[in-house]
């Protein structure tokens, strides 16, 4: 297909990008939403979303780079006053659903702000997507594993000092 034939279907690049983003959202977010909706505790559900994201990155190797480009363009539009161009928003909603369920079930500590938790986890997932666009698949997988350990609370533990001393 040539660029000329693309413009037969889309009047301009903006419409082409909108259609592409919509198609990607229809492919990606139902899978992430289903992963986040699985049975299990908050950690299991968050890990399921990260695992599904990993599968998507493997199935669609250019997905992370495309998402990063769309996010960069969206940031430029936000700065210019166009709030309707904000890229892929549904992931934050998936995370919010998981955290709100955890809060309702008493799994979120009482002194922890749910909105702050959602923002932190969303930032983590955005950062993982950024890394998926930059790292080799092996390096990304190791990074994803560390993120899951961080969420599980097992990244840092009582044996950390001992392991560090053994490496010296």
Foldseek 3Di string as FASTA:
>chain_A
DDPVVVCVVPVDVVRVVVVVLVVVCVVQVVCLLVLLPDDDALLSSLLSSLVSVLVVCVVPVCVLVSQVVQQVVLVVVVVVPDPVRHGDDCVLVSNLVSLVVCVVVVNDDPPDDSVVVSVVSVVVVNVLSVVSNPDDSVVSVVVSVLVSCVSVVNNDDPCPVVVVVVVD
